Amino acid sequence: MAKVIIPYKFQMELDDDLPLWHELEQQHHVQFLKYHMTTPEDFIAYINEQQINCIWITEDFFTYLGGPTPFWDHFPSSLRAIVVPWVGCDFIDGKRLREEKDIVLCNVGPNAASNVSDLCMHLVLSCFRMTSFMEHCFRFIDRGDVDACKDHIGSKKSDLVQQTLLDKDRNTSFSYTYPDKKQRNAAEPFNIVQNYNFGDKHIVSPTNKTALILGFGSIGQMIGKKLHHAFDMKVQYYKRSGPVSREILGYDAEYVGDLGDASSWREADVIILSLPSNPQSDNIINRNTLAMCKDGVRIVNVGRGSCVDEDALLEALDSGKVNSCGLDVYKNEDTRINDALLSRWDVTALPHLGSAVYDIVLLETQITLENIKDIFVDGGRGVYTVN
């Protein structure tokens, strides 16, 4: 019999009606213990008194108790596995977990790649076409006036105006800037072709452009596939472990092996980050790497917020070195995301949606159960073992 603790405070992201859930409970006597969290001390006492064999990671576990790492020294000797119903496992040292405690760490493997890459496509398109800014104008500035929205085209950096949001007490809660409408003069016709931009930021198609993907695991490869087939993009990529054969990819992609070489950066029209958090990837987008890029490059991050020096990114957005960016991840997500990023009209900002869709929640439960079955029923080390 195995005991699996599922910590929660207000919510759980799982489907306990799946056939495999019932099979594990009824045929293999796996106990799924839905544990309502209170204090760290109570959690420590519970996992030791119950001699827990497996921790099922949840979002609430991080929000209210900080995840598993703070309890490292209090893991019971019975603990054999930590199962993660998503991809990222950089919240704990998997290698040390295996070597010091012989605890298996599992995730959902490559199964979230399609959903994350879908979101990346949206961010890429928004960076090139400025769709998030146009939607904002259409909804809140020009209020459904199609022609008025288009009057923002041709605006210069000098045309930026400030908008203020008020809270329920009519106090200023947030301020942001955006390019106002270009002033027209009938005596001097305006050539829109020569000025197809918002606030000096160019509006162009992603078709036939070049994408440099940093991080080329299952998610990065899926992003490359979709960019190649949807936008006829030239795909370049960096992968620390080396190139991937065309037979595996199914499309042409150019391997970039040295990020210290300026030639690795200079072709990219958009740089896409699909990297985990580690010392090698921290602040990989910084003043030095941005200086090697072409002017007007776009930046998209669906990996980890730690990969981007946000101060350097803001400076590059101001100077025009970076035309626009699309972000789903940020530094300091657990505390306070940089307001300077959220207040920019040239940033498409999403709240770490990643693979967060109904379909993947069901699939993540199924795969997590398969990891549990492999470990506690079949005697393996998990279907998708990280360490």
Foldseek 3Di string as FASTA:
>chain_A
DAEEEEEAAPDFLADCVDPLNVCCCPVVVYHYHDHHDDDPVVVLVVCAVVVHAEYEDGPRCCQPVNPDVVCVVSHHLNHAEYEYLAPFDVSDDQVCCCVVRVHFYFYLPLVLQVLLLVVVVVFVQCLQAVVVLLVCCCVPPVPNDVVLSCQQFLFALVQKDKDFDADPVRHTDAMFIFHHGDDDDPVDDDDRVVGGAGRSQHHDGLAAAEEEEEACDSNNLSNVVCCCVVRVYAYEYEDQVDDDDCVVSVDDHHYDYDLVDLVSAARHQEYEYADEDDPVQFQCPAQVSLVSYAFQHEYEYLHEQRNHPVVRVLVSCVVRSHSAYEYQYHPPLSHDGDSSQVRYSRYHYHPNCRSVDPVSSHVSNVQSSQQVCCVSPVVHSGPGTDD
